[in-house]
N, C-alpha and C. Protein backbone atom coordinates (compact mmCIF):
# COMPACT_ATOMS: atom_id res chain seq x y z
N MET A 1 25.72 -22.79 28.71
CA MET A 1 24.77 -21.90 28.06
C MET A 1 24.64 -20.60 28.86
N SER A 2 24.38 -19.54 28.15
CA SER A 2 24.20 -18.25 28.83
C SER A 2 22.75 -18.09 29.24
N ASP A 3 22.48 -17.08 30.02
CA ASP A 3 21.11 -16.82 30.48
C ASP A 3 20.20 -16.42 29.33
N ASP A 4 20.76 -15.88 28.24
CA ASP A 4 19.97 -15.43 27.10
C ASP A 4 19.67 -16.56 26.12
N ALA A 5 20.21 -17.73 26.37
CA ALA A 5 20.03 -18.85 25.45
C ALA A 5 18.56 -19.29 25.42
N ILE A 6 18.10 -19.64 24.23
CA ILE A 6 16.75 -20.14 24.06
C ILE A 6 16.78 -21.63 24.38
N THR A 7 15.87 -22.09 25.22
CA THR A 7 15.96 -23.46 25.71
C THR A 7 14.99 -24.42 25.06
N SER A 8 13.92 -23.95 24.45
CA SER A 8 12.95 -24.88 23.87
C SER A 8 12.46 -24.36 22.53
N ASP A 9 11.81 -25.27 21.80
CA ASP A 9 11.24 -24.89 20.51
C ASP A 9 10.16 -23.82 20.68
N HIS A 10 9.39 -23.94 21.75
CA HIS A 10 8.34 -22.95 22.02
C HIS A 10 8.95 -21.56 22.18
N ASP A 11 10.05 -21.48 22.93
CA ASP A 11 10.71 -20.19 23.13
C ASP A 11 11.23 -19.63 21.80
N ARG A 12 11.74 -20.52 20.95
CA ARG A 12 12.23 -20.08 19.64
C ARG A 12 11.07 -19.54 18.80
N ILE A 13 9.96 -20.22 18.80
CA ILE A 13 8.80 -19.78 18.01
C ILE A 13 8.28 -18.45 18.53
N VAL A 14 8.23 -18.29 19.84
CA VAL A 14 7.78 -17.02 20.41
C VAL A 14 8.72 -15.90 20.00
N GLU A 15 10.01 -16.14 20.02
CA GLU A 15 10.96 -15.09 19.63
C GLU A 15 10.81 -14.75 18.15
N ILE A 16 10.65 -15.75 17.29
CA ILE A 16 10.46 -15.50 15.86
C ILE A 16 9.18 -14.73 15.62
N HIS A 17 8.12 -15.13 16.29
CA HIS A 17 6.83 -14.43 16.16
C HIS A 17 6.97 -12.96 16.57
N THR A 18 7.64 -12.73 17.67
CA THR A 18 7.84 -11.36 18.15
C THR A 18 8.64 -10.53 17.16
N LEU A 19 9.70 -11.10 16.62
CA LEU A 19 10.52 -10.38 15.64
C LEU A 19 9.72 -10.06 14.38
N LEU A 20 8.94 -11.03 13.91
CA LEU A 20 8.13 -10.78 12.72
C LEU A 20 7.08 -9.71 12.96
N ARG A 21 6.42 -9.79 14.11
CA ARG A 21 5.37 -8.82 14.42
C ARG A 21 5.95 -7.40 14.51
N GLU A 22 7.11 -7.27 15.11
CA GLU A 22 7.70 -5.95 15.29
C GLU A 22 8.25 -5.38 13.99
N ASN A 23 8.73 -6.24 13.10
CA ASN A 23 9.41 -5.76 11.90
C ASN A 23 8.57 -5.83 10.64
N LEU A 24 7.58 -6.70 10.59
CA LEU A 24 6.83 -6.89 9.37
C LEU A 24 5.54 -6.08 9.33
N VAL A 25 4.83 -5.99 10.42
CA VAL A 25 3.53 -5.32 10.44
C VAL A 25 3.61 -3.85 10.02
N PRO A 26 4.56 -3.06 10.50
CA PRO A 26 4.62 -1.67 10.04
C PRO A 26 4.86 -1.57 8.54
N LYS A 27 5.64 -2.47 7.97
CA LYS A 27 5.92 -2.43 6.54
C LYS A 27 4.67 -2.76 5.73
N VAL A 28 3.88 -3.71 6.19
CA VAL A 28 2.64 -4.06 5.49
C VAL A 28 1.68 -2.88 5.52
N ALA A 29 1.55 -2.24 6.66
CA ALA A 29 0.67 -1.07 6.77
C ALA A 29 1.16 0.05 5.86
N ASP A 30 2.48 0.21 5.76
CA ASP A 30 3.05 1.24 4.91
C ASP A 30 2.74 0.94 3.44
N HIS A 31 2.87 -0.32 3.05
CA HIS A 31 2.55 -0.69 1.67
C HIS A 31 1.08 -0.46 1.36
N GLU A 32 0.23 -0.76 2.31
CA GLU A 32 -1.20 -0.56 2.09
C GLU A 32 -1.52 0.91 1.87
N SER A 33 -0.92 1.79 2.66
CA SER A 33 -1.19 3.22 2.48
C SER A 33 -0.62 3.72 1.16
N ARG A 34 0.51 3.18 0.74
CA ARG A 34 1.07 3.58 -0.56
C ARG A 34 0.17 3.13 -1.70
N ILE A 35 -0.34 1.91 -1.61
CA ILE A 35 -1.23 1.41 -2.66
C ILE A 35 -2.51 2.23 -2.71
N ARG A 36 -3.03 2.60 -1.56
CA ARG A 36 -4.25 3.43 -1.54
C ARG A 36 -4.00 4.80 -2.19
N ARG A 37 -2.85 5.40 -1.93
CA ARG A 37 -2.51 6.68 -2.56
C ARG A 37 -2.39 6.52 -4.08
N LEU A 38 -1.77 5.43 -4.53
CA LEU A 38 -1.65 5.20 -5.97
C LEU A 38 -3.02 4.99 -6.61
N GLU A 39 -3.89 4.23 -5.96
CA GLU A 39 -5.22 4.02 -6.50
C GLU A 39 -5.98 5.34 -6.59
N LYS A 40 -5.86 6.17 -5.58
CA LYS A 40 -6.54 7.47 -5.60
C LYS A 40 -6.01 8.32 -6.75
N ALA A 41 -4.70 8.30 -6.97
CA ALA A 41 -4.10 9.07 -8.05
C ALA A 41 -4.58 8.57 -9.41
N VAL A 42 -4.71 7.25 -9.56
CA VAL A 42 -5.17 6.69 -10.83
C VAL A 42 -6.61 7.11 -11.11
N TRP A 43 -7.48 7.03 -10.09
CA TRP A 43 -8.87 7.44 -10.29
C TRP A 43 -8.97 8.93 -10.59
N LEU A 44 -8.17 9.74 -9.94
CA LEU A 44 -8.16 11.18 -10.20
C LEU A 44 -7.71 11.46 -11.63
N ALA A 45 -6.64 10.78 -12.06
CA ALA A 45 -6.14 10.96 -13.43
C ALA A 45 -7.19 10.52 -14.45
N ALA A 46 -7.88 9.42 -14.18
CA ALA A 46 -8.92 8.95 -15.10
C ALA A 46 -10.06 9.97 -15.20
N GLY A 47 -10.44 10.54 -14.09
CA GLY A 47 -11.50 11.55 -14.10
C GLY A 47 -11.08 12.80 -14.85
N LEU A 48 -9.85 13.23 -14.61
CA LEU A 48 -9.35 14.41 -15.32
C LEU A 48 -9.25 14.15 -16.83
N ALA A 49 -8.81 12.96 -17.21
CA ALA A 49 -8.71 12.62 -18.63
C ALA A 49 -10.09 12.59 -19.27
N ALA A 50 -11.08 12.06 -18.57
CA ALA A 50 -12.44 12.02 -19.12
C ALA A 50 -12.99 13.43 -19.28
N ALA A 51 -12.78 14.26 -18.28
CA ALA A 51 -13.28 15.64 -18.35
C ALA A 51 -12.56 16.42 -19.45
N GLY A 52 -11.26 16.25 -19.52
CA GLY A 52 -10.48 16.94 -20.57
C GLY A 52 -10.87 16.47 -21.96
N GLY A 53 -11.05 15.16 -22.12
CA GLY A 53 -11.46 14.62 -23.42
C GLY A 53 -12.83 15.11 -23.82
N SER A 54 -13.71 15.22 -22.87
CA SER A 54 -15.06 15.72 -23.15
C SER A 54 -15.01 17.18 -23.57
N ALA A 55 -14.21 17.97 -22.87
CA ALA A 55 -14.11 19.40 -23.21
C ALA A 55 -13.48 19.59 -24.59
N ILE A 56 -12.43 18.85 -24.86
CA ILE A 56 -11.78 18.97 -26.17
C ILE A 56 -12.71 18.49 -27.29
N GLY A 57 -13.45 17.41 -27.02
CA GLY A 57 -14.42 16.91 -28.01
C GLY A 57 -15.50 17.93 -28.28
N SER A 58 -15.95 18.63 -27.27
CA SER A 58 -16.98 19.66 -27.46
C SER A 58 -16.43 20.82 -28.28
N LEU A 59 -15.18 21.20 -28.02
CA LEU A 59 -14.58 22.30 -28.77
C LEU A 59 -14.38 21.92 -30.24
N ILE A 60 -13.91 20.72 -30.48
CA ILE A 60 -13.65 20.28 -31.85
C ILE A 60 -14.96 20.01 -32.59
N GLY A 61 -15.90 19.42 -31.91
CA GLY A 61 -17.18 19.07 -32.53
C GLY A 61 -18.12 20.25 -32.70
N GLY A 62 -17.78 21.38 -32.20
CA GLY A 62 -18.61 22.57 -32.36
C GLY A 62 -19.72 22.66 -31.33
N GLY A 63 -19.72 21.80 -30.32
CA GLY A 63 -20.71 21.89 -29.26
C GLY A 63 -22.10 21.47 -29.70
N ALA A 64 -22.20 20.73 -30.78
CA ALA A 64 -23.50 20.30 -31.28
C ALA A 64 -24.01 19.25 -30.43
């Protein structure tokens, strides 16, 4: 066996945990920020649609 060989199950689990933490956590954080941006865009679009619909309704309805 070489010096880099993993010798026990504990060592294997520690290595797997380290690899997951280094490679998975940044991706999860990235997905969370993307989802937050999408949610913000949806709420903004809904607000703009409501305001636009209200303005168009007032123009068509004669402002009564």
